[in-house]
N, C-alpha and C. Protein backbone atom coordinates (compact mmCIF):
# COMPACT_ATOMS: atom_id res chain seq x y z
N MET A 1 -21.76 -4.64 -8.14
CA MET A 1 -20.43 -4.84 -8.12
C MET A 1 -19.80 -4.18 -6.86
N ASP A 2 -19.04 -4.97 -6.24
CA ASP A 2 -18.35 -4.45 -5.10
C ASP A 2 -17.42 -3.19 -5.41
N LYS A 3 -17.19 -2.31 -4.49
CA LYS A 3 -16.38 -1.17 -4.64
C LYS A 3 -15.15 -1.33 -3.78
N ILE A 4 -13.86 -1.23 -4.24
CA ILE A 4 -12.84 -1.24 -3.45
C ILE A 4 -12.01 0.06 -3.62
N ILE A 5 -11.55 0.59 -2.57
CA ILE A 5 -10.54 1.73 -2.45
C ILE A 5 -9.26 1.12 -2.25
N VAL A 6 -8.39 1.40 -3.13
CA VAL A 6 -7.06 0.83 -2.92
C VAL A 6 -6.08 1.99 -2.69
N VAL A 7 -5.30 2.05 -1.55
CA VAL A 7 -4.46 2.97 -1.23
C VAL A 7 -3.02 2.46 -1.24
N THR A 8 -2.11 2.96 -2.12
CA THR A 8 -0.84 2.41 -2.11
C THR A 8 0.10 3.55 -1.81
N GLY A 9 1.41 3.20 -1.71
CA GLY A 9 2.58 4.22 -1.53
C GLY A 9 3.63 3.51 -0.66
N VAL A 10 4.76 4.27 -0.64
CA VAL A 10 5.86 3.63 0.19
C VAL A 10 5.64 3.77 1.63
N SER A 11 6.43 2.94 2.38
CA SER A 11 6.23 3.09 3.81
C SER A 11 6.40 4.40 4.40
N GLY A 12 5.47 4.87 5.16
CA GLY A 12 5.61 6.21 5.78
C GLY A 12 4.88 7.35 5.05
N CYS A 13 4.21 7.06 4.03
CA CYS A 13 3.69 8.18 3.17
C CYS A 13 2.23 8.46 3.62
N GLY A 14 1.68 7.77 4.55
CA GLY A 14 0.37 8.10 5.19
C GLY A 14 -0.78 7.31 4.75
N LYS A 15 -0.38 6.05 4.19
CA LYS A 15 -1.49 5.19 3.66
C LYS A 15 -2.48 4.84 4.85
N SER A 16 -2.03 4.41 6.03
CA SER A 16 -2.81 3.91 7.12
C SER A 16 -3.64 5.12 7.65
N PHE A 17 -2.95 6.34 7.88
CA PHE A 17 -3.84 7.39 8.27
C PHE A 17 -4.87 7.80 7.33
N ILE A 18 -4.68 7.98 6.01
CA ILE A 18 -5.63 8.26 5.10
C ILE A 18 -6.78 7.20 4.96
N SER A 19 -6.37 5.98 5.05
CA SER A 19 -7.43 4.90 5.07
C SER A 19 -8.23 4.91 6.18
N LYS A 20 -7.70 5.10 7.37
CA LYS A 20 -8.56 5.10 8.66
C LYS A 20 -9.53 6.41 8.56
N LYS A 21 -8.96 7.53 8.06
CA LYS A 21 -9.82 8.82 8.04
C LYS A 21 -10.98 8.58 6.99
N LEU A 22 -10.63 7.82 5.83
CA LEU A 22 -11.69 7.61 4.91
C LEU A 22 -12.75 6.75 5.55
N ALA A 23 -12.26 5.70 6.21
CA ALA A 23 -13.20 4.73 6.80
C ALA A 23 -14.12 5.40 7.73
N LEU A 24 -13.59 6.23 8.55
CA LEU A 24 -14.45 7.03 9.50
C LEU A 24 -15.45 8.01 8.75
N ASP A 25 -14.96 8.68 7.82
CA ASP A 25 -15.77 9.69 7.23
C ASP A 25 -16.84 9.02 6.30
N PHE A 26 -16.47 7.73 5.77
CA PHE A 26 -17.52 7.25 4.83
C PHE A 26 -18.08 5.98 5.39
N LYS A 27 -17.90 5.84 6.64
CA LYS A 27 -18.57 4.58 7.47
C LYS A 27 -18.25 3.36 6.80
N ILE A 28 -16.99 3.14 6.49
CA ILE A 28 -16.62 1.96 5.79
C ILE A 28 -15.94 1.08 6.93
N ASP A 29 -16.51 -0.10 7.23
CA ASP A 29 -16.10 -0.84 8.42
C ASP A 29 -15.10 -1.88 8.18
N LYS A 30 -14.48 -1.97 6.96
CA LYS A 30 -13.32 -2.92 6.67
C LYS A 30 -12.15 -2.20 5.96
N ILE A 31 -11.08 -2.39 6.61
CA ILE A 31 -9.79 -1.91 6.05
C ILE A 31 -8.92 -3.13 5.88
N ILE A 32 -8.39 -3.51 4.80
CA ILE A 32 -7.37 -4.72 4.83
C ILE A 32 -5.96 -4.03 4.68
N ASP A 33 -5.33 -4.19 5.69
CA ASP A 33 -3.93 -3.70 5.80
C ASP A 33 -3.10 -4.86 5.42
N VAL A 34 -2.31 -4.67 4.29
CA VAL A 34 -1.53 -5.78 3.57
C VAL A 34 -0.44 -6.34 4.56
N ASP A 35 0.11 -5.45 5.47
CA ASP A 35 1.02 -5.94 6.40
C ASP A 35 0.43 -7.00 7.30
N THR A 36 -0.78 -6.83 7.55
CA THR A 36 -1.48 -7.96 8.35
C THR A 36 -1.74 -9.15 7.61
N VAL A 37 -2.05 -9.03 6.33
CA VAL A 37 -2.16 -10.20 5.44
C VAL A 37 -0.80 -10.98 5.34
N ILE A 38 0.26 -10.13 5.23
CA ILE A 38 1.60 -10.81 5.28
C ILE A 38 1.84 -11.63 6.62
N ALA A 39 1.48 -10.85 7.67
CA ALA A 39 1.85 -11.52 8.94
C ALA A 39 1.04 -12.89 9.11
N VAL A 40 -0.19 -12.92 8.63
CA VAL A 40 -1.02 -14.18 8.70
C VAL A 40 -0.33 -15.19 7.78
N CYS A 41 0.03 -14.72 6.60
CA CYS A 41 0.61 -15.76 5.69
C CYS A 41 1.95 -16.49 6.19
N LYS A 42 2.64 -15.72 6.96
CA LYS A 42 3.88 -16.20 7.63
C LYS A 42 3.72 -17.38 8.51
N ILE A 43 2.44 -17.43 8.93
CA ILE A 43 2.04 -18.56 9.87
C ILE A 43 2.00 -19.91 9.01
N PHE A 44 1.56 -19.73 7.86
CA PHE A 44 1.39 -20.95 6.96
C PHE A 44 2.35 -21.21 5.77
N VAL A 45 3.17 -20.17 5.72
CA VAL A 45 4.12 -20.23 4.51
C VAL A 45 5.60 -20.07 5.07
N SER A 46 6.40 -20.90 4.78
CA SER A 46 7.70 -20.94 5.29
C SER A 46 8.70 -19.99 4.45
N LYS A 47 9.63 -19.50 5.01
CA LYS A 47 10.69 -18.69 4.38
C LYS A 47 11.17 -19.43 3.12
N ASP A 48 11.41 -20.64 3.18
CA ASP A 48 11.80 -21.33 2.06
C ASP A 48 10.82 -21.31 0.86
N GLN A 49 9.55 -21.44 1.30
CA GLN A 49 8.46 -21.37 0.19
C GLN A 49 8.42 -20.00 -0.49
N ASN A 50 8.51 -18.94 0.36
CA ASN A 50 8.33 -17.54 -0.14
C ASN A 50 9.18 -16.56 0.62
N LYS A 51 10.39 -16.37 0.27
CA LYS A 51 11.38 -15.61 1.04
C LYS A 51 11.04 -14.17 1.02
N TYR A 52 10.39 -13.75 0.03
CA TYR A 52 9.99 -12.26 -0.07
C TYR A 52 8.88 -11.76 0.86
N LEU A 53 8.19 -12.78 1.48
CA LEU A 53 7.21 -12.51 2.59
C LEU A 53 7.81 -12.07 3.80
N PHE A 54 9.14 -12.41 3.99
CA PHE A 54 10.00 -12.15 5.17
C PHE A 54 10.83 -10.99 5.03
N THR A 55 10.51 -10.11 4.29
CA THR A 55 11.39 -8.81 4.18
C THR A 55 10.49 -7.62 4.34
N THR A 56 11.08 -6.50 3.88
CA THR A 56 10.31 -5.27 3.70
C THR A 56 10.49 -4.74 2.31
N SER A 57 9.75 -3.73 1.84
CA SER A 57 9.84 -3.22 0.53
C SER A 57 11.21 -2.62 0.38
N HIS A 58 11.74 -1.86 1.37
CA HIS A 58 12.90 -1.17 1.16
C HIS A 58 14.26 -1.98 1.48
N GLU A 59 14.03 -3.26 1.94
CA GLU A 59 15.27 -4.14 2.07
C GLU A 59 15.08 -5.43 1.29
N ALA A 60 14.10 -5.58 0.37
CA ALA A 60 13.99 -6.75 -0.50
C ALA A 60 15.20 -7.01 -1.30
N TRP A 61 15.85 -6.00 -1.77
CA TRP A 61 17.01 -6.10 -2.66
C TRP A 61 18.05 -6.93 -2.03
N LYS A 62 18.15 -6.96 -0.66
CA LYS A 62 19.13 -7.77 -0.06
C LYS A 62 19.08 -9.28 -0.17
N ILE A 63 17.93 -9.77 -0.41
CA ILE A 63 17.69 -11.14 -0.61
C ILE A 63 18.46 -11.89 -1.64
N GLU A 64 18.56 -11.15 -2.85
CA GLU A 64 19.35 -11.66 -3.98
C GLU A 64 20.31 -10.64 -4.36
N ASN A 65 20.52 -9.57 -3.67
CA ASN A 65 21.46 -8.47 -4.06
C ASN A 65 21.24 -8.02 -5.42
N ILE A 66 19.88 -7.69 -5.71
CA ILE A 66 19.62 -7.17 -7.02
C ILE A 66 19.20 -5.76 -6.96
N ASP A 67 18.85 -5.11 -8.13
CA ASP A 67 18.35 -3.78 -8.26
C ASP A 67 17.16 -3.63 -7.38
N PRO A 68 17.11 -2.62 -6.50
CA PRO A 68 15.93 -2.31 -5.56
C PRO A 68 14.61 -2.37 -6.30
N ILE A 69 14.46 -1.82 -7.42
CA ILE A 69 13.19 -1.86 -8.05
C ILE A 69 12.64 -3.30 -8.50
N GLU A 70 13.61 -4.08 -9.04
CA GLU A 70 13.35 -5.44 -9.44
C GLU A 70 13.06 -6.33 -8.13
N ALA A 71 13.60 -5.98 -7.04
CA ALA A 71 13.39 -6.70 -5.74
C ALA A 71 12.08 -6.27 -5.23
N TYR A 72 11.65 -4.95 -5.40
CA TYR A 72 10.34 -4.55 -4.97
C TYR A 72 9.22 -5.14 -5.74
N LYS A 73 9.37 -5.35 -7.08
CA LYS A 73 8.49 -6.10 -7.80
C LYS A 73 8.34 -7.56 -7.35
N LYS A 74 9.45 -8.15 -7.04
CA LYS A 74 9.44 -9.53 -6.55
C LYS A 74 8.62 -9.55 -5.18
N TYR A 75 8.83 -8.61 -4.35
CA TYR A 75 8.23 -8.40 -3.10
C TYR A 75 6.78 -8.31 -3.31
N GLN A 76 6.40 -7.39 -4.10
CA GLN A 76 4.88 -7.17 -4.43
C GLN A 76 4.35 -8.45 -4.91
N SER A 77 4.85 -9.17 -5.84
CA SER A 77 4.36 -10.25 -6.54
C SER A 77 4.21 -11.44 -5.44
N ALA A 78 5.06 -11.43 -4.48
CA ALA A 78 5.01 -12.49 -3.47
C ALA A 78 3.76 -12.42 -2.64
N VAL A 79 3.25 -11.35 -2.53
CA VAL A 79 2.03 -11.01 -1.76
C VAL A 79 0.79 -11.00 -2.54
N SER A 80 0.81 -10.86 -3.88
CA SER A 80 -0.36 -10.68 -4.65
C SER A 80 -1.25 -11.80 -4.65
N LYS A 81 -0.91 -12.96 -4.76
CA LYS A 81 -1.85 -14.08 -4.91
C LYS A 81 -2.53 -14.19 -3.51
N TYR A 82 -2.03 -13.92 -2.44
CA TYR A 82 -2.58 -14.11 -1.08
C TYR A 82 -3.60 -13.05 -0.98
N LEU A 83 -3.31 -11.88 -1.28
CA LEU A 83 -4.18 -10.65 -1.18
C LEU A 83 -5.48 -10.94 -2.10
N GLN A 84 -5.25 -11.39 -3.32
CA GLN A 84 -6.36 -11.71 -4.19
C GLN A 84 -7.22 -12.70 -3.73
N GLN A 85 -6.74 -13.82 -3.16
CA GLN A 85 -7.52 -14.90 -2.48
C GLN A 85 -8.29 -14.31 -1.43
N LEU A 86 -7.79 -13.52 -0.51
CA LEU A 86 -8.57 -12.91 0.62
C LEU A 86 -9.65 -12.14 0.15
N VAL A 87 -9.44 -11.26 -0.88
CA VAL A 87 -10.43 -10.32 -1.38
C VAL A 87 -11.60 -11.19 -1.92
N TYR A 88 -11.33 -12.39 -2.54
CA TYR A 88 -12.37 -13.23 -3.06
C TYR A 88 -13.34 -13.65 -2.01
N TYR A 89 -12.86 -13.70 -0.75
CA TYR A 89 -13.87 -14.27 0.36
C TYR A 89 -14.41 -13.11 1.01
N ILE A 90 -14.14 -11.77 0.85
CA ILE A 90 -14.81 -10.72 1.49
C ILE A 90 -16.09 -10.46 0.85
N LYS A 91 -17.13 -10.33 1.63
CA LYS A 91 -18.51 -10.26 1.10
C LYS A 91 -19.10 -8.85 1.30
N ASP A 92 -18.28 -7.89 1.74
CA ASP A 92 -18.76 -6.51 1.93
C ASP A 92 -18.76 -5.89 0.54
N ASN A 93 -19.73 -4.92 0.41
CA ASN A 93 -19.86 -4.29 -0.85
C ASN A 93 -18.95 -3.01 -1.05
N LEU A 94 -18.15 -2.65 0.05
CA LEU A 94 -17.33 -1.54 0.09
C LEU A 94 -16.21 -1.57 1.10
N PHE A 95 -15.02 -1.66 0.71
CA PHE A 95 -13.84 -1.76 1.66
C PHE A 95 -12.74 -1.22 1.16
N ILE A 96 -11.69 -0.99 1.98
CA ILE A 96 -10.37 -0.44 1.72
C ILE A 96 -9.35 -1.30 1.75
N ILE A 97 -8.49 -1.40 0.82
CA ILE A 97 -7.10 -2.26 0.88
C ILE A 97 -5.96 -1.11 0.85
N GLU A 98 -5.13 -1.24 1.83
CA GLU A 98 -3.99 -0.37 1.96
C GLU A 98 -2.59 -1.15 2.08
N GLY A 99 -1.55 -0.75 1.37
CA GLY A 99 -0.32 -1.39 1.52
C GLY A 99 0.69 -0.92 0.38
N THR A 100 1.91 -1.01 0.74
CA THR A 100 3.03 -0.74 -0.11
C THR A 100 3.26 -1.91 -1.02
N GLN A 101 2.64 -3.13 -0.74
CA GLN A 101 2.98 -4.41 -1.46
C GLN A 101 2.08 -4.53 -2.80
N ILE A 102 1.14 -3.66 -2.96
CA ILE A 102 0.20 -3.78 -3.99
C ILE A 102 0.70 -3.36 -5.31
N ASN A 103 0.68 -4.30 -6.27
CA ASN A 103 1.27 -3.83 -7.66
C ASN A 103 0.20 -3.71 -8.67
N LEU A 104 0.66 -3.38 -9.86
CA LEU A 104 -0.38 -3.10 -10.91
C LEU A 104 -1.13 -4.31 -11.29
N GLU A 105 -0.43 -5.40 -11.24
CA GLU A 105 -1.08 -6.79 -11.69
C GLU A 105 -2.20 -7.04 -10.73
N THR A 106 -1.95 -6.78 -9.50
CA THR A 106 -3.08 -7.06 -8.40
C THR A 106 -4.27 -6.16 -8.62
N ILE A 107 -4.10 -4.92 -8.86
CA ILE A 107 -5.07 -3.97 -9.18
C ILE A 107 -5.72 -4.32 -10.46
N ASN A 108 -5.15 -4.66 -11.40
CA ASN A 108 -5.79 -5.11 -12.70
C ASN A 108 -6.57 -6.47 -12.50
N ALA A 109 -6.16 -7.38 -11.67
CA ALA A 109 -6.88 -8.62 -11.47
C ALA A 109 -8.06 -8.20 -10.65
N LEU A 110 -8.02 -7.37 -9.62
CA LEU A 110 -9.18 -6.93 -8.81
C LEU A 110 -10.29 -6.21 -9.69
N LYS A 111 -9.73 -5.49 -10.67
CA LYS A 111 -10.61 -4.71 -11.55
C LYS A 111 -11.51 -5.64 -12.38
N SER A 112 -11.17 -6.88 -12.59
CA SER A 112 -11.90 -7.79 -13.40
C SER A 112 -13.21 -8.16 -12.65
N LYS A 113 -13.28 -8.03 -11.35
CA LYS A 113 -14.35 -8.37 -10.56
C LYS A 113 -14.96 -7.32 -9.66
N HIS A 114 -14.33 -6.18 -9.67
CA HIS A 114 -14.80 -5.10 -8.65
C HIS A 114 -14.52 -3.78 -9.31
N GLN A 115 -15.20 -2.79 -8.89
CA GLN A 115 -15.03 -1.42 -9.22
C GLN A 115 -13.94 -0.85 -8.24
N ILE A 116 -12.87 -0.37 -8.84
CA ILE A 116 -11.69 -0.13 -8.20
C ILE A 116 -11.43 1.47 -8.23
N LEU A 117 -11.14 2.12 -7.09
CA LEU A 117 -10.52 3.46 -7.01
C LEU A 117 -9.15 3.26 -6.45
N HIS A 118 -8.12 3.53 -7.25
CA HIS A 118 -6.74 3.36 -6.69
C HIS A 118 -6.05 4.71 -6.61
N ILE A 119 -5.55 4.92 -5.37
CA ILE A 119 -4.90 6.25 -5.10
C ILE A 119 -3.53 5.88 -4.61
N ASN A 120 -2.44 6.46 -5.31
CA ASN A 120 -1.12 6.15 -4.80
C ASN A 120 -0.53 7.43 -4.13
N LEU A 121 -0.29 7.31 -2.86
CA LEU A 121 0.28 8.41 -2.13
C LEU A 121 1.71 8.53 -2.22
N TYR A 122 2.26 9.83 -2.15
CA TYR A 122 3.68 9.99 -2.09
C TYR A 122 3.89 11.26 -1.27
N ALA A 123 5.20 11.29 -0.78
CA ALA A 123 5.57 12.29 0.18
C ALA A 123 6.96 12.79 -0.10
N THR A 124 7.33 13.91 0.37
CA THR A 124 8.82 14.44 0.23
C THR A 124 9.71 13.61 1.03
N LYS A 125 10.86 13.78 0.77
CA LYS A 125 11.83 13.25 1.61
C LYS A 125 11.89 13.62 3.09
N LYS A 126 11.72 14.93 3.09
CA LYS A 126 11.57 15.54 4.49
C LYS A 126 10.38 14.95 5.27
N GLN A 127 9.21 14.90 4.54
CA GLN A 127 8.01 14.37 5.30
C GLN A 127 8.31 12.87 5.59
N LEU A 128 8.82 12.19 4.79
CA LEU A 128 9.11 10.78 5.00
C LEU A 128 9.98 10.58 6.26
N LEU A 129 11.10 11.40 6.24
CA LEU A 129 11.89 11.24 7.42
C LEU A 129 11.17 11.65 8.71
N THR A 130 10.44 12.67 8.68
CA THR A 130 9.62 13.02 9.86
C THR A 130 8.77 11.92 10.34
N ASN A 131 8.06 11.19 9.35
CA ASN A 131 7.21 10.12 9.69
C ASN A 131 7.91 8.99 10.22
N TYR A 132 9.08 8.78 9.67
CA TYR A 132 9.93 7.48 10.07
C TYR A 132 10.41 7.77 11.53
N LYS A 133 10.77 8.92 11.84
CA LYS A 133 11.26 9.27 13.22
C LYS A 133 10.00 9.03 14.28
N ASN A 134 8.80 9.44 13.76
CA ASN A 134 7.69 9.10 14.63
C ASN A 134 7.32 7.59 14.73
N LYS A 135 7.46 7.02 13.55
CA LYS A 135 7.23 5.43 13.68
C LYS A 135 8.20 4.80 14.42
N ALA A 136 9.48 5.25 14.37
CA ALA A 136 10.55 4.48 15.03
C ALA A 136 10.31 4.52 16.56
N LYS A 137 9.60 5.30 17.02
CA LYS A 137 9.21 5.32 18.53
C LYS A 137 8.43 4.14 18.86
N LEU A 138 7.59 3.58 17.87
CA LEU A 138 6.65 2.49 18.03
C LEU A 138 7.31 1.14 17.67
N ARG A 139 8.11 1.00 16.60
CA ARG A 139 8.79 -0.16 16.27
C ARG A 139 10.08 0.16 15.42
N SER A 140 10.78 -0.99 15.38
CA SER A 140 12.14 -0.72 14.72
C SER A 140 12.07 -1.18 13.32
N SER A 141 12.75 -0.42 12.42
CA SER A 141 12.93 -0.81 11.03
C SER A 141 14.10 -0.06 10.54
N ASN A 142 14.55 -0.25 9.34
CA ASN A 142 15.63 0.66 8.79
C ASN A 142 15.19 1.58 7.81
N TRP A 143 14.06 2.31 8.09
CA TRP A 143 13.47 3.23 7.20
C TRP A 143 14.43 4.36 6.89
N ILE A 144 14.97 4.95 7.93
CA ILE A 144 15.85 6.17 7.75
C ILE A 144 17.05 5.71 6.98
N GLU A 145 17.66 4.65 7.32
CA GLU A 145 18.84 4.11 6.60
C GLU A 145 18.64 3.93 5.13
N ASN A 146 17.47 3.52 4.84
CA ASN A 146 17.18 3.08 3.55
C ASN A 146 16.35 4.23 2.70
N ILE A 147 16.31 5.41 3.19
CA ILE A 147 15.58 6.53 2.58
C ILE A 147 15.79 6.70 1.02
N ASN A 148 17.07 6.47 0.58
CA ASN A 148 17.22 6.74 -0.89
C ASN A 148 16.62 5.57 -1.63
N ILE A 149 16.55 4.30 -1.11
CA ILE A 149 15.95 3.24 -1.80
C ILE A 149 14.41 3.48 -1.79
N THR A 150 13.87 4.01 -0.62
CA THR A 150 12.47 4.19 -0.60
C THR A 150 12.04 5.22 -1.60
N LYS A 151 12.87 6.33 -1.70
CA LYS A 151 12.66 7.39 -2.79
C LYS A 151 12.62 6.80 -4.22
N GLN A 152 13.51 5.75 -4.48
CA GLN A 152 13.52 5.14 -5.72
C GLN A 152 12.21 4.34 -5.97
N LEU A 153 11.68 3.70 -5.03
CA LEU A 153 10.47 2.96 -5.06
C LEU A 153 9.29 3.79 -5.29
N GLN A 154 9.33 5.02 -4.62
CA GLN A 154 8.27 6.01 -4.65
C GLN A 154 8.19 6.45 -6.16
N LEU A 155 9.41 6.86 -6.77
CA LEU A 155 9.41 7.36 -8.09
C LEU A 155 8.82 6.23 -9.05
N HIS A 156 9.27 4.96 -8.82
CA HIS A 156 8.90 3.90 -9.62
C HIS A 156 7.29 3.75 -9.62
N ASN A 157 6.66 3.88 -8.43
CA ASN A 157 5.12 3.86 -8.31
C ASN A 157 4.52 5.14 -8.97
N LYS A 158 5.13 6.31 -8.94
CA LYS A 158 4.61 7.43 -9.52
C LYS A 158 4.55 7.26 -11.09
N LYS A 159 5.59 6.52 -11.61
CA LYS A 159 5.52 6.32 -13.01
C LYS A 159 4.59 5.28 -13.60
N ILE A 160 4.26 4.25 -12.63
CA ILE A 160 3.36 3.20 -13.23
C ILE A 160 1.90 3.42 -12.80
N PHE A 161 1.58 4.24 -11.78
CA PHE A 161 0.16 4.36 -11.21
C PHE A 161 -0.29 5.65 -11.77
N PRO A 162 -1.62 5.65 -12.23
CA PRO A 162 -2.11 6.83 -12.81
C PRO A 162 -2.60 8.04 -11.90
N VAL A 163 -3.05 7.60 -10.62
CA VAL A 163 -3.40 8.68 -9.72
C VAL A 163 -2.45 8.71 -8.60
N ASN A 164 -1.77 9.83 -8.57
CA ASN A 164 -0.74 10.16 -7.59
C ASN A 164 -1.07 11.34 -6.67
N ILE A 165 -1.19 11.27 -5.45
CA ILE A 165 -1.57 12.39 -4.58
C ILE A 165 -0.36 12.55 -3.61
N LYS A 166 0.12 13.88 -3.58
CA LYS A 166 1.17 14.26 -2.70
C LYS A 166 0.50 14.42 -1.25
N ASN A 167 0.97 13.57 -0.42
CA ASN A 167 0.38 13.57 0.98
C ASN A 167 1.43 14.36 1.96
N ASP A 168 1.20 15.55 2.15
CA ASP A 168 2.04 16.37 3.02
C ASP A 168 1.38 16.42 4.56
N CYS A 169 0.48 15.37 4.73
CA CYS A 169 -0.02 15.29 6.08
C CYS A 169 -0.83 16.57 6.45
N THR A 170 -1.52 17.23 5.58
CA THR A 170 -2.35 18.33 5.89
C THR A 170 -3.75 17.99 5.53
N GLU A 171 -4.73 18.83 5.90
CA GLU A 171 -6.09 18.61 5.63
C GLU A 171 -6.28 18.72 4.11
N LYS A 172 -5.54 19.59 3.41
CA LYS A 172 -5.65 19.86 1.99
C LYS A 172 -5.39 18.44 1.24
N SER A 173 -4.32 17.75 1.62
CA SER A 173 -4.09 16.46 1.04
C SER A 173 -5.29 15.52 1.24
N TYR A 174 -5.72 15.47 2.46
CA TYR A 174 -6.89 14.59 2.63
C TYR A 174 -8.10 15.00 1.83
N LEU A 175 -8.44 16.28 1.75
CA LEU A 175 -9.55 16.79 1.00
C LEU A 175 -9.49 16.29 -0.48
N ILE A 176 -8.29 16.34 -0.92
CA ILE A 176 -8.24 15.89 -2.38
C ILE A 176 -8.47 14.41 -2.52
N VAL A 177 -8.13 13.65 -1.61
CA VAL A 177 -8.42 12.16 -1.68
C VAL A 177 -9.83 11.93 -1.42
N LYS A 178 -10.39 12.61 -0.44
CA LYS A 178 -11.87 12.48 -0.04
C LYS A 178 -12.70 12.87 -1.19
N SER A 179 -12.34 13.88 -1.93
CA SER A 179 -13.13 14.24 -3.29
C SER A 179 -13.13 13.13 -4.22
N LEU A 180 -12.00 12.57 -4.40
CA LEU A 180 -11.90 11.38 -5.41
C LEU A 180 -12.87 10.23 -4.95
N VAL A 181 -12.78 9.95 -3.63
CA VAL A 181 -13.76 8.99 -3.09
C VAL A 181 -15.23 9.24 -3.19
N GLU A 182 -15.64 10.53 -2.92
CA GLU A 182 -17.03 10.94 -3.06
C GLU A 182 -17.40 10.67 -4.65
N ASP A 183 -16.61 11.10 -5.57
CA ASP A 183 -17.00 10.90 -6.89
C ASP A 183 -17.01 9.53 -7.26
N PHE A 184 -16.22 8.65 -6.92
CA PHE A 184 -16.11 7.25 -6.96
C PHE A 184 -17.41 6.59 -6.47
N LEU A 185 -17.81 6.95 -5.18
CA LEU A 185 -18.98 6.35 -4.66
C LEU A 185 -20.22 6.78 -5.33
N LYS A 186 -20.21 7.95 -5.95
CA LYS A 186 -21.39 8.46 -6.64
C LYS A 186 -21.48 7.90 -8.08
N GLY A 187 -20.44 7.26 -8.40
CA GLY A 187 -20.31 6.59 -9.86
C GLY A 187 -19.89 7.53 -10.84
N VAL A 188 -19.29 8.68 -10.45
CA VAL A 188 -18.89 9.80 -11.39
C VAL A 188 -17.65 9.22 -12.27
């Protein structure tokens, strides 16, 4: 049975960094970045067909002016079927999926056919703001303006996901994640 390491968390919590470090340390040659899955879907799916593909986790509430958590769930659901279809066609026996868009339903669907290690990362408000300032140098988004919504989404994730790791961008944080992956790969 294939093994998938799923790394979730809000924007800026370190999902990509942790995933890339795991890939290097464990010689995993495939990382599925859900942002990339969404970008490809936008080529084939119009905004009229799936408006939630054309937003971000922290701004999804603006589409229908609804509660940020409910909008976040719709955002995650908008991506779920595409991600599951993509995973179906991957023939590697070990890979990583990382993204803020992954919900509990997607993880449970993947568990029906794969062994899953799911790790939800979270960070302090101070760490998120530091990360957003660094990311803002590369691309624009309204991360800083939406920090309070992002914190709500993070709290929601921590409540529903069983394995939550505080990522303070230190070696200690990474070693906790690495230990979980080592146990998962050994079958512990």
